[in-house]
Amino acid sequence: MEPPLSGGPGPDGAGSRDTGNRPRSAPAIADTGSRTARTQAAAQAGGGTGSGAAAGGTDRTRVRRLPELAVHDRATLHAVLDAGRVGHLAIADGCQPYALPVAYARDGERVLLHGSTGSRLFRHLAAGAPACLTVTLLDGLVLARSAFASSMNYRCAMVLGELSVVDGDDRLAALERISEHLLPGRWAAIRPPSAKELAATLVLALPLDECSVKISAGPPDDPDDDLDRPVWAGVVPVVETLGTPQPDPRLRHDLPPPEW
């Protein structure tokens, strides 16, 4: 629900949208050194240390595959979560794992989610089932001179933990937070949830106590003996844009669409 994305770096080092407050693209990295070195520089560019434990600070969240891509500051964790709209929430029901696509919003040091009270899996989560939330932002396709070296530029956050039910007055505030993350400015203009709608909605919170962040950025890292191959190599950026708003056919008022 945003304007076309510039794809350029922002002041927080994680890139930002044109309107300034939802980081999207990976930071620009000087074209020197290896892809690993450039990615480490991208990771460090997030800067700052927020409250709470460092990302990747537990044995379960320590990045083992390409650990040089791990980012440990919470400012970058927050930036990745704030940039996304959809995460995948994985749980195990008996011996069967499930991964649910969910809308979410970060609220300080927790992530808010909502779903139907009739959902068996959401009730399972509300009862304290362990879960894993992942948010991945694809920033580019990395076209190398070999299949093996071809890859993607991305930012990914993973959160482990148990969810708790958000109830009472906090539930309505949480729903507003989710709405404002997905549909900025709409909460003040639209009808709030009715008592019946609230009764049908389950709001859950996942604390950001156990997390990891991984960032890959920069051009391909081809071995020297592939550099003479007559194959184009580089990065094709992947950006997200909004299309032309399509009015509801039943719209009864001559109103402009949101200025996103």
C-alpha atoms as a PDB file:
ATOM      1  CA  MET A   1       0.000   0.000   0.000  1.00  0.00           C
ATOM      2  CA  GLU A   2       2.818   2.359  -0.825  1.00  0.00           C
ATOM      3  CA  PRO A   3       4.101   4.475  -3.705  1.00  0.00           C
ATOM      4  CA  PRO A   4       6.607   3.078  -6.202  1.00  0.00           C
ATOM      5  CA  LEU A   5       9.829   2.179  -4.500  1.00  0.00           C
ATOM      6  CA  SER A   6      13.043   3.953  -5.297  1.00  0.00           C
ATOM      7  CA  GLY A   7      15.282   0.953  -4.601  1.00  0.00           C
ATOM      8  CA  GLY A   8      17.933   3.265  -3.153  1.00  0.00           C
ATOM      9  CA  PRO A   9      19.501   3.252   0.289  1.00  0.00           C
ATOM     10  CA  GLY A  10      17.971   5.247   3.086  1.00  0.00           C
ATOM     11  CA  PRO A  11      19.473   6.998   6.089  1.00  0.00           C
ATOM     12  CA  ASP A  12      19.058   3.930   8.302  1.00  0.00           C
ATOM     13  CA  GLY A  13      21.325   1.884   6.039  1.00  0.00           C
ATOM     14  CA  ALA A  14      18.600  -0.601   5.171  1.00  0.00           C
ATOM     15  CA  GLY A  15      17.033   1.419   2.339  1.00  0.00           C
ATOM     16  CA  SER A  16      13.716   3.228   2.519  1.00  0.00           C
ATOM     17  CA  ARG A  17      10.629   3.945   0.503  1.00  0.00           C
ATOM     18  CA  ASP A  18      10.087   7.350  -1.056  1.00  0.00           C
ATOM     19  CA  THR A  19       7.977   8.552   1.879  1.00  0.00           C
ATOM     20  CA  GLY A  20      10.694   7.666   4.302  1.00  0.00           C
ATOM     21  CA  ASN A  21       9.589   5.238   6.989  1.00  0.00           C
ATOM     22  CA  ARG A  22       9.397   1.721   5.577  1.00  0.00           C
ATOM     23  CA  PRO A  23      12.852   0.354   4.676  1.00  0.00           C
ATOM     24  CA  ARG A  24      12.873  -1.784   1.558  1.00  0.00           C
ATOM     25  CA  SER A  25      16.082  -2.186  -0.347  1.00  0.00           C
ATOM     26  CA  ALA A  26      19.546  -3.284   0.665  1.00  0.00           C
ATOM     27  CA  PRO A  27      22.117  -0.552   1.289  1.00  0.00           C
ATOM     28  CA  ALA A  28      24.533   0.501  -1.399  1.00  0.00           C
ATOM     29  CA  ILE A  29      27.943  -1.138  -1.025  1.00  0.00           C
ATOM     30  CA  ALA A  30      31.203   0.004  -2.524  1.00  0.00           C
ATOM     31  CA  ASP A  31      32.181  -2.193  -5.460  1.00  0.00           C
ATOM     32  CA  THR A  32      35.343  -3.503  -3.863  1.00  0.00           C
ATOM     33  CA  GLY A  33      36.328  -6.789  -2.306  1.00  0.00           C
ATOM     34  CA  SER A  34      34.407 -10.051  -2.314  1.00  0.00           C
ATOM     35  CA  ARG A  35      30.665 -10.517  -2.215  1.00  0.00           C
ATOM     36  CA  THR A  36      31.096 -11.693   1.391  1.00  0.00           C
ATOM     37  CA  ALA A  37      32.877  -8.466   2.349  1.00  0.00           C
ATOM     38  CA  ARG A  38      30.210  -6.356   0.653  1.00  0.00           C
ATOM     39  CA  THR A  39      27.453  -8.275   2.419  1.00  0.00           C
ATOM     40  CA  GLN A  40      29.145  -7.824   5.775  1.00  0.00           C
ATOM     41  CA  ALA A  41      29.317  -4.100   5.098  1.00  0.00           C
ATOM     42  CA  ALA A  42      25.611  -4.089   4.238  1.00  0.00           C
ATOM     43  CA  ALA A  43      24.829  -5.886   7.472  1.00  0.00           C
ATOM     44  CA  GLN A  44      26.882  -3.490   9.558  1.00  0.00           C
ATOM     45  CA  ALA A  45      25.292  -0.472   7.877  1.00  0.00           C
ATOM     46  CA  GLY A  46      22.109  -0.962   9.898  1.00  0.00           C
ATOM     47  CA  GLY A  47      23.931   0.510  12.889  1.00  0.00           C
ATOM     48  CA  GLY A  48      22.656   1.090  16.360  1.00  0.00           C
ATOM     49  CA  THR A  49      21.686  -1.251  19.145  1.00  0.00           C
ATOM     50  CA  GLY A  50      18.111  -1.442  20.331  1.00  0.00           C
ATOM     51  CA  SER A  51      16.816  -2.898  23.561  1.00  0.00           C
ATOM     52  CA  GLY A  52      16.806  -6.646  24.062  1.00  0.00           C
ATOM     53  CA  ALA A  53      19.261  -9.371  23.220  1.00  0.00           C
ATOM     54  CA  ALA A  54      21.312  -9.305  20.032  1.00  0.00           C
ATOM     55  CA  ALA A  55      19.761 -11.044  17.037  1.00  0.00           C
ATOM     56  CA  GLY A  56      21.215 -14.502  16.554  1.00  0.00           C
ATOM     57  CA  GLY A  57      22.283 -14.606  20.177  1.00  0.00           C
ATOM     58  CA  THR A  58      21.017 -18.093  20.999  1.00  0.00           C
ATOM     59  CA  ASP A  59      22.136 -21.506  19.836  1.00  0.00           C
ATOM     60  CA  ARG A  60      18.860 -21.983  17.950  1.00  0.00           C
ATOM     61  CA  THR A  61      19.170 -18.695  16.082  1.00  0.00           C
ATOM     62  CA  ARG A  62      22.893 -18.670  15.371  1.00  0.00           C
ATOM     63  CA  VAL A  63      23.390 -18.570  11.590  1.00  0.00           C
ATOM     64  CA  ARG A  64      25.443 -21.607  10.613  1.00  0.00           C
ATOM     65  CA  ARG A  65      25.208 -21.532   6.833  1.00  0.00           C
ATOM     66  CA  LEU A  66      27.188 -18.484   5.601  1.00  0.00           C
ATOM     67  CA  PRO A  67      27.480 -16.983   9.093  1.00  0.00           C
ATOM     68  CA  GLU A  68      29.152 -13.888   7.612  1.00  0.00           C
ATOM     69  CA  LEU A  69      25.702 -12.866   6.352  1.00  0.00           C
ATOM     70  CA  ALA A  70      24.288 -12.716   9.878  1.00  0.00           C
ATOM     71  CA  VAL A  71      23.342  -9.331  11.315  1.00  0.00           C
ATOM     72  CA  HIS A  72      23.172  -8.924  15.077  1.00  0.00           C
ATOM     73  CA  ASP A  73      21.866  -5.426  15.775  1.00  0.00           C
ATOM     74  CA  ARG A  74      18.202  -5.015  16.592  1.00  0.00           C
ATOM     75  CA  ALA A  75      17.835  -1.848  14.518  1.00  0.00           C
ATOM     76  CA  THR A  76      18.244  -3.968  11.404  1.00  0.00           C
ATOM     77  CA  LEU A  77      15.873  -6.607  12.783  1.00  0.00           C
ATOM     78  CA  HIS A  78      13.251  -3.903  13.273  1.00  0.00           C
ATOM     79  CA  ALA A  79      13.891  -2.453   9.804  1.00  0.00           C
ATOM     80  CA  VAL A  80      13.373  -5.811   8.088  1.00  0.00           C
ATOM     81  CA  LEU A  81      10.157  -6.504   9.995  1.00  0.00           C
ATOM     82  CA  ASP A  82       8.870  -2.986   9.336  1.00  0.00           C
ATOM     83  CA  ALA A  83       9.541  -3.358   5.607  1.00  0.00           C
ATOM     84  CA  GLY A  84       7.407  -6.469   5.186  1.00  0.00           C
ATOM     85  CA  ARG A  85       3.673  -6.992   5.120  1.00  0.00           C
ATOM     86  CA  VAL A  86       3.389 -10.785   4.975  1.00  0.00           C
ATOM     87  CA  GLY A  87       5.246 -13.339   7.048  1.00  0.00           C
ATOM     88  CA  HIS A  88       5.081 -17.110   7.218  1.00  0.00           C
ATOM     89  CA  LEU A  89       4.230 -18.580  10.588  1.00  0.00           C
ATOM     90  CA  ALA A  90       5.276 -22.214  10.943  1.00  0.00           C
ATOM     91  CA  ILE A  91       3.980 -24.600  13.604  1.00  0.00           C
ATOM     92  CA  ALA A  92       3.819 -28.348  14.060  1.00  0.00           C
ATOM     93  CA  ASP A  93       0.473 -30.010  14.743  1.00  0.00           C
ATOM     94  CA  GLY A  94       1.470 -33.461  15.895  1.00  0.00           C
ATOM     95  CA  CYS A  95       3.835 -34.811  13.256  1.00  0.00           C
ATOM     96  CA  GLN A  96       2.548 -32.477  10.543  1.00  0.00           C
ATOM     97  CA  PRO A  97       4.202 -29.058  10.054  1.00  0.00           C
ATOM     98  CA  TYR A  98       2.207 -26.141   8.647  1.00  0.00           C
ATOM     99  CA  ALA A  99       3.329 -22.723   7.387  1.00  0.00           C
ATOM    100  CA  LEU A 100       0.665 -20.025   7.389  1.00  0.00           C
ATOM    101  CA  PRO A 101       0.959 -16.764   5.437  1.00  0.00           C
ATOM    102  CA  VAL A 102      -0.008 -14.018   7.884  1.00  0.00           C
ATOM    103  CA  ALA A 103      -0.306 -10.252   7.886  1.00  0.00           C
ATOM    104  CA  TYR A 104       1.517  -8.718  10.821  1.00  0.00           C
ATOM    105  CA  ALA A 105       2.876  -5.557  12.374  1.00  0.00           C
ATOM    106  CA  ARG A 106       5.807  -4.941  14.673  1.00  0.00           C
ATOM    107  CA  ASP A 107       4.889  -3.240  17.923  1.00  0.00           C
ATOM    108  CA  GLY A 108       8.090  -2.423  19.775  1.00  0.00           C
ATOM    109  CA  GLU A 109       9.724  -5.688  20.804  1.00  0.00           C
ATOM    110  CA  ARG A 110       6.891  -7.934  19.635  1.00  0.00           C
ATOM    111  CA  VAL A 111       5.049  -8.862  16.452  1.00  0.00           C
ATOM    112  CA  LEU A 112       1.257  -8.703  16.324  1.00  0.00           C
ATOM    113  CA  LEU A 113      -0.875 -11.133  14.301  1.00  0.00           C
ATOM    114  CA  HIS A 114      -4.590 -11.682  13.956  1.00  0.00           C
ATOM    115  CA  GLY A 115      -6.827 -14.460  12.701  1.00  0.00           C
ATOM    116  CA  SER A 116     -10.175 -16.137  13.173  1.00  0.00           C
ATOM    117  CA  THR A 117     -11.188 -17.577  16.526  1.00  0.00           C
ATOM    118  CA  GLY A 118     -12.512 -20.476  14.446  1.00  0.00           C
ATOM    119  CA  SER A 119      -9.049 -21.324  13.115  1.00  0.00           C
ATOM    120  CA  ARG A 120      -7.786 -24.566  14.633  1.00  0.00           C
ATOM    121  CA  LEU A 121      -4.180 -23.567  14.040  1.00  0.00           C
ATOM    122  CA  PHE A 122      -4.623 -20.124  15.595  1.00  0.00           C
ATOM    123  CA  ARG A 123      -6.221 -21.723  18.642  1.00  0.00           C
ATOM    124  CA  HIS A 124      -3.237 -24.085  18.747  1.00  0.00           C
ATOM    125  CA  LEU A 125      -0.916 -21.065  18.755  1.00  0.00           C
ATOM    126  CA  ALA A 126      -2.989 -19.314  21.421  1.00  0.00           C
ATOM    127  CA  ALA A 127      -2.574 -22.383  23.622  1.00  0.00           C
ATOM    128  CA  GLY A 128       1.197 -21.926  23.578  1.00  0.00           C
ATOM    129  CA  ALA A 129       2.407 -24.084  20.694  1.00  0.00           C
ATOM    130  CA  PRO A 130       5.993 -23.147  19.715  1.00  0.00           C
ATOM    131  CA  ALA A 131       6.182 -21.264  16.433  1.00  0.00           C
ATOM    132  CA  CYS A 132       8.597 -19.787  13.924  1.00  0.00           C
ATOM    133  CA  LEU A 133       7.842 -16.588  12.010  1.00  0.00           C
ATOM    134  CA  THR A 134       9.917 -15.716   8.956  1.00  0.00           C
ATOM    135  CA  VAL A 135       9.829 -12.522   6.889  1.00  0.00           C
ATOM    136  CA  THR A 136      11.815 -12.414   3.651  1.00  0.00           C
ATOM    137  CA  LEU A 137      12.345  -9.390   1.397  1.00  0.00           C
ATOM    138  CA  LEU A 138      13.696 -10.144  -2.075  1.00  0.00           C
ATOM    139  CA  ASP A 139      15.901  -7.273  -3.258  1.00  0.00           C
ATOM    140  CA  GLY A 140      17.438  -8.640  -6.442  1.00  0.00           C
ATOM    141  CA  LEU A 141      18.322 -11.573  -8.665  1.00  0.00           C
ATOM    142  CA  VAL A 142      22.072 -12.120  -8.805  1.00  0.00           C
ATOM    143  CA  LEU A 143      23.038 -13.318 -12.278  1.00  0.00           C
ATOM    144  CA  ALA A 144      26.451 -14.923 -12.172  1.00  0.00           C
ATOM    145  CA  ARG A 145      28.482 -16.598 -14.913  1.00  0.00           C
ATOM    146  CA  SER A 146      27.644 -20.035 -13.540  1.00  0.00           C
ATOM    147  CA  ALA A 147      24.546 -21.673 -12.148  1.00  0.00           C
ATOM    148  CA  PHE A 148      26.331 -22.404  -8.882  1.00  0.00           C
ATOM    149  CA  ALA A 149      27.303 -18.771  -8.219  1.00  0.00           C
ATOM    150  CA  SER A 150      23.907 -17.334  -9.224  1.00  0.00           C
ATOM    151  CA  SER A 151      21.801 -16.322  -6.227  1.00  0.00           C
ATOM    152  CA  MET A 152      19.534 -13.650  -4.760  1.00  0.00           C
ATOM    153  CA  ASN A 153      19.949 -10.500  -2.743  1.00  0.00           C
ATOM    154  CA  TYR A 154      17.611 -10.598   0.227  1.00  0.00           C
ATOM    155  CA  ARG A 155      16.892  -9.608   3.800  1.00  0.00           C
ATOM    156  CA  CYS A 156      15.382 -12.227   6.084  1.00  0.00           C
ATOM    157  CA  ALA A 157      14.300 -12.231   9.724  1.00  0.00           C
ATOM    158  CA  MET A 158      13.354 -15.298  11.754  1.00  0.00           C
ATOM    159  CA  VAL A 159      11.598 -15.180  15.128  1.00  0.00           C
ATOM    160  CA  LEU A 160      11.165 -18.192  17.430  1.00  0.00           C
ATOM    161  CA  GLY A 161       8.872 -18.367  20.428  1.00  0.00           C
ATOM    162  CA  GLU A 162       5.421 -18.858  21.840  1.00  0.00           C
ATOM    163  CA  LEU A 163       2.556 -16.484  21.140  1.00  0.00           C
ATOM    164  CA  SER A 164       0.286 -14.969  23.766  1.00  0.00           C
ATOM    165  CA  VAL A 165      -3.283 -13.753  23.418  1.00  0.00           C
ATOM    166  CA  VAL A 166      -3.815  -9.992  23.316  1.00  0.00           C
ATOM    167  CA  ASP A 167      -7.111  -9.177  25.020  1.00  0.00           C
ATOM    168  CA  GLY A 168      -9.162  -6.348  26.472  1.00  0.00           C
ATOM    169  CA  ASP A 169      -8.429  -2.793  25.376  1.00  0.00           C
ATOM    170  CA  ASP A 170      -5.029  -3.902  24.115  1.00  0.00           C
ATOM    171  CA  ARG A 171      -6.700  -6.020  21.438  1.00  0.00           C
ATOM    172  CA  LEU A 172      -8.325  -3.060  19.702  1.00  0.00           C
ATOM    173  CA  ALA A 173      -5.062  -1.099  19.898  1.00  0.00           C
ATOM    174  CA  ALA A 174      -3.234  -4.086  18.377  1.00  0.00           C
ATOM    175  CA  LEU A 175      -5.723  -4.285  15.508  1.00  0.00           C
ATOM    176  CA  GLU A 176      -5.218  -0.571  14.879  1.00  0.00           C
ATOM    177  CA  ARG A 177      -1.457  -1.132  14.831  1.00  0.00           C
ATOM    178  CA  ILE A 178      -1.808  -3.899  12.239  1.00  0.00           C
ATOM    179  CA  SER A 179      -4.184  -1.804  10.141  1.00  0.00           C
ATOM    180  CA  GLU A 180      -1.882   1.215  10.183  1.00  0.00           C
ATOM    181  CA  HIS A 181       1.089  -0.924   9.158  1.00  0.00           C
ATOM    182  CA  LEU A 182      -0.774  -2.402   6.182  1.00  0.00           C
ATOM    183  CA  LEU A 183      -3.109   0.499   5.312  1.00  0.00           C
ATOM    184  CA  PRO A 184      -1.543   3.736   6.605  1.00  0.00           C
ATOM    185  CA  GLY A 185      -4.057   6.368   7.647  1.00  0.00           C
ATOM    186  CA  ARG A 186      -7.134   4.221   7.106  1.00  0.00           C
ATOM    187  CA  TRP A 187      -8.036   3.480  10.720  1.00  0.00           C
ATOM    188  CA  ALA A 188      -9.255   7.043  11.334  1.00  0.00           C
ATOM    189  CA  ALA A 189     -11.506   6.980   8.259  1.00  0.00           C
ATOM    190  CA  ILE A 190     -13.053   3.498   8.348  1.00  0.00           C
ATOM    191  CA  ARG A 191     -15.584   1.897  10.671  1.00  0.00           C
ATOM    192  CA  PRO A 192     -13.892   0.237  13.651  1.00  0.00           C
ATOM    193  CA  PRO A 193     -14.604  -3.442  14.380  1.00  0.00           C
ATOM    194  CA  SER A 194     -18.003  -4.222  15.858  1.00  0.00           C
ATOM    195  CA  ALA A 195     -18.424  -6.287  19.027  1.00  0.00           C
ATOM    196  CA  LYS A 196     -19.381  -9.282  16.887  1.00  0.00           C
ATOM    197  CA  GLU A 197     -16.313  -8.848  14.670  1.00  0.00           C
ATOM    198  CA  LEU A 198     -14.050  -8.513  17.689  1.00  0.00           C
ATOM    199  CA  ALA A 199     -15.504 -11.692  19.167  1.00  0.00           C
ATOM    200  CA  ALA A 200     -14.578 -13.516  15.957  1.00  0.00           C
ATOM    201  CA  THR A 201     -10.999 -12.219  15.919  1.00  0.00           C
ATOM    202  CA  LEU A 202      -8.044 -13.689  17.762  1.00  0.00           C
ATOM    203  CA  VAL A 203      -5.074 -11.345  18.264  1.00  0.00           C
ATOM    204  CA  LEU A 204      -1.706 -12.854  19.166  1.00  0.00           C
ATOM    205  CA  ALA A 205       1.675 -11.385  20.077  1.00  0.00           C
ATOM    206  CA  LEU A 206       5.064 -12.985  19.430  1.00  0.00           C
ATOM    207  CA  PRO A 207       7.934 -11.485  21.476  1.00  0.00           C
ATOM    208  CA  LEU A 208      11.177 -10.627  19.714  1.00  0.00           C
ATOM    209  CA  ASP A 209      13.191 -12.490  22.323  1.00  0.00           C
ATOM    210  CA  GLU A 210      14.817 -15.090  20.058  1.00  0.00           C
ATOM    211  CA  CYS A 211      15.546 -13.891  16.532  1.00  0.00           C
ATOM    212  CA  SER A 212      18.040 -13.978  13.709  1.00  0.00           C
ATOM    213  CA  VAL A 213      18.630 -11.729  10.705  1.00  0.00           C
ATOM    214  CA  LYS A 214      20.456 -12.600   7.504  1.00  0.00           C
ATOM    215  CA  ILE A 215      21.272 -10.217   4.642  1.00  0.00           C
ATOM    216  CA  SER A 216      22.792 -10.937   1.252  1.00  0.00           C
ATOM    217  CA  ALA A 217      23.719  -7.982  -0.956  1.00  0.00           C
ATOM    218  CA  GLY A 218      26.029  -7.056  -3.801  1.00  0.00           C
ATOM    219  CA  PRO A 219      27.061  -8.330  -7.245  1.00  0.00           C
ATOM    220  CA  PRO A 220      28.005 -11.919  -8.108  1.00  0.00           C
ATOM    221  CA  ASP A 221      31.080 -13.504  -6.592  1.00  0.00           C
ATOM    222  CA  ASP A 222      32.297 -15.462  -9.621  1.00  0.00           C
ATOM    223  CA  PRO A 223      35.647 -17.240  -9.452  1.00  0.00           C
ATOM    224  CA  ASP A 224      38.375 -15.645 -11.532  1.00  0.00           C
ATOM    225  CA  ASP A 225      38.431 -18.454 -14.097  1.00  0.00           C
ATOM    226  CA  ASP A 226      34.791 -17.669 -15.024  1.00  0.00           C
ATOM    227  CA  LEU A 227      35.288 -13.954 -15.642  1.00  0.00           C
ATOM    228  CA  ASP A 228      36.188 -14.347 -19.317  1.00  0.00           C
ATOM    229  CA  ARG A 229      32.974 -16.209 -20.148  1.00  0.00           C
ATOM    230  CA  PRO A 230      30.850 -14.239 -22.666  1.00  0.00           C
ATOM    231  CA  VAL A 231      27.847 -14.130 -20.308  1.00  0.00           C
ATOM    232  CA  TRP A 232      26.199 -11.007 -18.885  1.00  0.00           C
ATOM    233  CA  ALA A 233      26.547 -10.875 -15.107  1.00  0.00           C
ATOM    234  CA  GLY A 234      25.173  -8.494 -12.509  1.00  0.00           C
ATOM    235  CA  VAL A 235      22.112  -7.830 -10.399  1.00  0.00           C
ATOM    236  CA  VAL A 236      18.515  -7.384 -11.546  1.00  0.00           C
ATOM    237  CA  PRO A 237      16.825  -5.362  -8.762  1.00  0.00           C
ATOM    238  CA  VAL A 238      13.431  -6.527  -7.571  1.00  0.00           C
ATOM    239  CA  VAL A 239      11.149  -3.708  -6.413  1.00  0.00           C
ATOM    240  CA  GLU A 240       7.528  -3.487  -5.321  1.00  0.00           C
ATOM    241  CA  THR A 241       5.152  -0.902  -6.758  1.00  0.00           C
ATOM    242  CA  LEU A 242       1.473  -0.083  -6.372  1.00  0.00           C
ATOM    243  CA  GLY A 243      -0.836  -0.185  -9.334  1.00  0.00           C
ATOM    244  CA  THR A 244      -3.566   2.269 -10.303  1.00  0.00           C
ATOM    245  CA  PRO A 245      -6.341   2.242  -7.668  1.00  0.00           C
ATOM    246  CA  GLN A 246      -9.546   0.577  -8.878  1.00  0.00           C
ATOM    247  CA  PRO A 247     -12.669   2.088  -7.273  1.00  0.00           C
ATOM    248  CA  ASP A 248     -15.340  -0.180  -5.830  1.00  0.00           C
ATOM    249  CA  PRO A 249     -18.226  -0.242  -8.384  1.00  0.00           C
ATOM    250  CA  ARG A 250     -20.578   0.544  -5.478  1.00  0.00           C
ATOM    251  CA  LEU A 251     -18.632   3.632  -4.350  1.00  0.00           C
ATOM    252  CA  ARG A 252     -21.273   6.261  -3.608  1.00  0.00           C
ATOM    253  CA  HIS A 253     -19.037   9.274  -3.057  1.00  0.00           C
ATOM    254  CA  ASP A 254     -16.644  11.077  -5.357  1.00  0.00           C
ATOM    255  CA  LEU A 255     -13.523  10.638  -3.259  1.00  0.00           C
ATOM    256  CA  PRO A 256      -9.828  10.436  -4.153  1.00  0.00           C
ATOM    257  CA  PRO A 257      -7.909   7.232  -3.361  1.00  0.00           C
ATOM    258  CA  PRO A 258      -5.274   7.211  -0.607  1.00  0.00           C
ATOM    259  CA  GLU A 259      -2.088   9.065  -1.525  1.00  0.00           C
ATOM    260  CA  TRP A 260       0.274   6.132  -1.171  1.00  0.00           C
END
